[in-house]
Amino acid sequence: MTKSIELPNKAYMLPDSIPDWPPVWWFWLVIAGALLALILLLLGMYHHYRKRAYRREALQQLKQHTGLSDLALIELCLTLMKRCLITEGKEALASLTNKELLPELDRQLRSSRVKLVDYEEYFVTLIYQPHTQLTATQRQAIIQITSTWIRRHRA
């Protein structure tokens, strides 16, 4: 037989446990704030996605370059870059001559090892020659630098 110990004063006893539900009143404010932050983040991502739609469209047109002559390919690349500028509201920049435009496009390119100025011969001189001949490597390089610029330029 165990003997129970009686405490001298019942006032020192711990109260009953606090229930877990309903939570404190500010719990709903925290939940509402988190949901609002999530909604704002999703809206921002959607806005960014829609704002960059012109880039996806330009890259899609660039992928459909098969069958184009060398001259038409160079013209397509220049046209796509100028359309991107016009879409961004930089009509004055898009109206520059090709020789003046290439360094400006390089300034908009985010840290790239390859610069458009390196391809100045193709975009400035070869575009005005009627029988322009490019090797497969040159064609691929022009397509690559154009798609890099479209994807990575600062809007």
Protein backbone atom coordinates (compact mmCIF):
# COMPACT_ATOMS: atom_id res chain seq x y z
CA MET A 1 0.00 0.00 0.00
CA THR A 2 1.38 3.29 -1.10
CA LYS A 3 0.74 6.31 0.82
CA SER A 4 -0.22 9.46 -1.10
CA ILE A 5 1.34 12.65 -0.04
CA GLU A 6 -0.95 15.54 0.67
CA LEU A 7 0.30 18.98 -0.16
CA PRO A 8 -0.25 21.53 2.54
CA ASN A 9 -1.79 24.19 0.28
CA LYS A 10 -3.70 23.53 -2.93
CA ALA A 11 -2.98 27.08 -4.21
CA TYR A 12 0.46 25.97 -5.37
CA MET A 13 -0.95 23.42 -7.76
CA LEU A 14 -0.41 23.96 -11.51
CA PRO A 15 -3.47 24.89 -13.53
CA ASP A 16 -4.99 22.62 -16.11
CA SER A 17 -3.19 22.56 -19.47
CA ILE A 18 -3.99 25.31 -21.97
CA PRO A 19 -5.91 23.98 -24.97
CA ASP A 20 -4.20 24.05 -28.39
CA TRP A 21 -7.29 25.22 -30.22
CA PRO A 22 -8.44 27.89 -30.90
CA PRO A 23 -5.08 29.61 -31.41
CA VAL A 24 -4.25 33.12 -30.31
CA TRP A 25 -6.00 35.95 -32.14
CA TRP A 26 -2.91 37.08 -34.09
CA PHE A 27 -2.45 33.58 -35.53
CA TRP A 28 -5.00 34.49 -38.21
CA LEU A 29 -3.08 37.68 -39.03
CA VAL A 30 0.09 35.66 -39.59
CA ILE A 31 -1.77 33.21 -41.84
CA ALA A 32 -3.38 36.07 -43.80
CA GLY A 33 0.00 37.79 -44.19
CA ALA A 34 1.63 34.60 -45.44
CA LEU A 35 -1.19 34.02 -47.95
CA LEU A 36 -0.98 37.64 -49.13
CA ALA A 37 2.78 37.33 -49.59
CA LEU A 38 2.31 34.09 -51.57
CA ILE A 39 -0.34 35.68 -53.79
CA LEU A 40 1.86 38.72 -54.43
CA LEU A 41 4.81 36.47 -55.27
CA LEU A 42 2.71 34.47 -57.74
CA LEU A 43 1.34 37.65 -59.33
CA GLY A 44 4.87 39.01 -59.68
CA MET A 45 6.04 35.80 -61.33
CA TYR A 46 3.07 35.86 -63.71
CA HIS A 47 3.74 39.50 -64.61
CA HIS A 48 7.41 38.69 -65.25
CA TYR A 49 6.40 35.71 -67.42
CA ARG A 50 4.03 37.84 -69.51
CA LYS A 51 6.55 40.68 -69.78
CA ARG A 52 9.10 38.28 -71.30
CA ALA A 53 6.68 36.80 -73.88
CA TYR A 54 8.35 38.74 -76.69
CA ARG A 55 11.61 36.93 -75.93
CA ARG A 56 9.98 33.51 -76.22
CA GLU A 57 8.33 34.53 -79.49
CA ALA A 58 11.62 35.83 -80.92
CA LEU A 59 13.46 32.64 -79.93
CA GLN A 60 10.71 30.58 -81.55
CA GLN A 61 11.09 32.53 -84.80
CA LEU A 62 14.86 32.08 -84.62
CA LYS A 63 14.44 28.31 -84.28
CA GLN A 64 12.51 28.28 -87.57
CA HIS A 65 15.55 29.47 -89.53
CA THR A 66 16.02 26.29 -91.56
CA GLY A 67 15.83 26.85 -95.28
CA LEU A 68 16.79 30.51 -95.10
CA SER A 69 19.60 31.83 -97.22
CA ASP A 70 22.65 33.23 -95.45
CA LEU A 71 21.60 36.79 -96.17
CA ALA A 72 18.05 36.14 -94.96
CA LEU A 73 19.42 34.58 -91.76
CA ILE A 74 21.51 37.67 -90.96
CA GLU A 75 18.52 39.91 -91.71
CA LEU A 76 16.30 37.76 -89.48
CA CYS A 77 18.76 38.02 -86.58
CA LEU A 78 18.97 41.79 -86.89
CA THR A 79 15.22 42.13 -87.27
CA LEU A 80 14.54 40.04 -84.17
CA MET A 81 16.96 42.08 -82.06
CA LYS A 82 15.43 45.34 -83.29
CA ARG A 83 11.90 44.05 -82.62
CA CYS A 84 12.95 43.26 -79.05
CA LEU A 85 14.20 46.81 -78.65
CA ILE A 86 10.99 48.27 -80.08
CA THR A 87 8.90 46.07 -77.77
CA GLU A 88 10.83 47.45 -74.82
CA GLY A 89 10.10 50.99 -75.99
CA LYS A 90 13.61 51.76 -77.23
CA GLU A 91 12.70 52.91 -80.74
CA ALA A 92 15.58 55.40 -80.85
CA LEU A 93 18.07 52.63 -80.20
CA ALA A 94 16.44 50.36 -82.77
CA SER A 95 16.70 53.08 -85.42
CA LEU A 96 20.51 53.28 -85.17
CA THR A 97 22.63 51.98 -88.02
CA ASN A 98 23.96 48.47 -87.60
CA LYS A 99 27.50 49.69 -86.91
CA GLU A 100 26.28 51.99 -84.11
CA LEU A 101 23.76 49.48 -82.83
CA LEU A 102 26.09 46.55 -82.08
CA PRO A 103 28.10 48.25 -79.28
CA GLU A 104 24.84 49.42 -77.70
CA LEU A 105 23.46 45.88 -77.81
CA ASP A 106 26.64 44.62 -76.16
CA ARG A 107 26.10 47.07 -73.29
CA GLN A 108 22.68 45.55 -72.69
CA LEU A 109 24.03 41.99 -72.64
CA ARG A 110 24.60 40.67 -69.14
CA SER A 111 28.19 39.45 -68.71
CA SER A 112 28.75 37.39 -71.80
CA ARG A 113 32.09 36.15 -73.06
CA VAL A 114 31.04 36.62 -76.67
CA LYS A 115 30.16 40.09 -77.91
CA LEU A 116 28.10 41.15 -80.92
CA VAL A 117 30.91 43.49 -81.96
CA ASP A 118 32.97 40.37 -82.70
CA TYR A 119 30.42 39.60 -85.44
CA GLU A 120 30.40 43.11 -86.86
CA GLU A 121 31.59 41.82 -90.22
CA TYR A 122 28.45 39.72 -90.62
CA PHE A 123 25.95 42.28 -89.37
CA VAL A 124 27.47 45.36 -91.01
CA THR A 125 29.20 44.38 -94.25
CA LEU A 126 27.93 40.96 -95.32
CA ILE A 127 24.30 41.99 -95.03
CA TYR A 128 24.76 44.33 -97.99
CA GLN A 129 26.52 41.83 -100.23
CA PRO A 130 24.11 40.02 -102.54
CA HIS A 131 25.95 36.68 -102.60
CA THR A 132 26.80 36.22 -98.95
CA GLN A 133 28.20 32.77 -98.18
CA LEU A 134 28.53 31.53 -94.61
CA THR A 135 29.93 28.25 -93.39
CA ALA A 136 27.85 26.04 -91.12
CA THR A 137 29.99 27.13 -88.17
CA GLN A 138 29.43 30.82 -88.96
CA ARG A 139 25.68 30.27 -89.30
CA GLN A 140 25.56 28.49 -85.97
CA ALA A 141 27.64 31.22 -84.31
CA ILE A 142 25.30 33.95 -85.57
CA ILE A 143 22.25 32.04 -84.37
CA GLN A 144 23.90 31.38 -81.01
CA ILE A 145 24.93 34.99 -80.35
CA THR A 146 21.47 36.23 -81.39
CA SER A 147 19.65 33.78 -79.12
CA THR A 148 22.05 34.62 -76.28
CA TRP A 149 21.32 38.31 -76.70
CA ILE A 150 17.55 37.75 -76.84
CA ARG A 151 17.60 35.62 -73.68
CA ARG A 152 20.04 37.66 -71.60
CA HIS A 153 19.72 41.32 -72.51
CA ARG A 154 18.55 43.79 -69.90
CA ALA A 155 15.10 45.14 -70.61
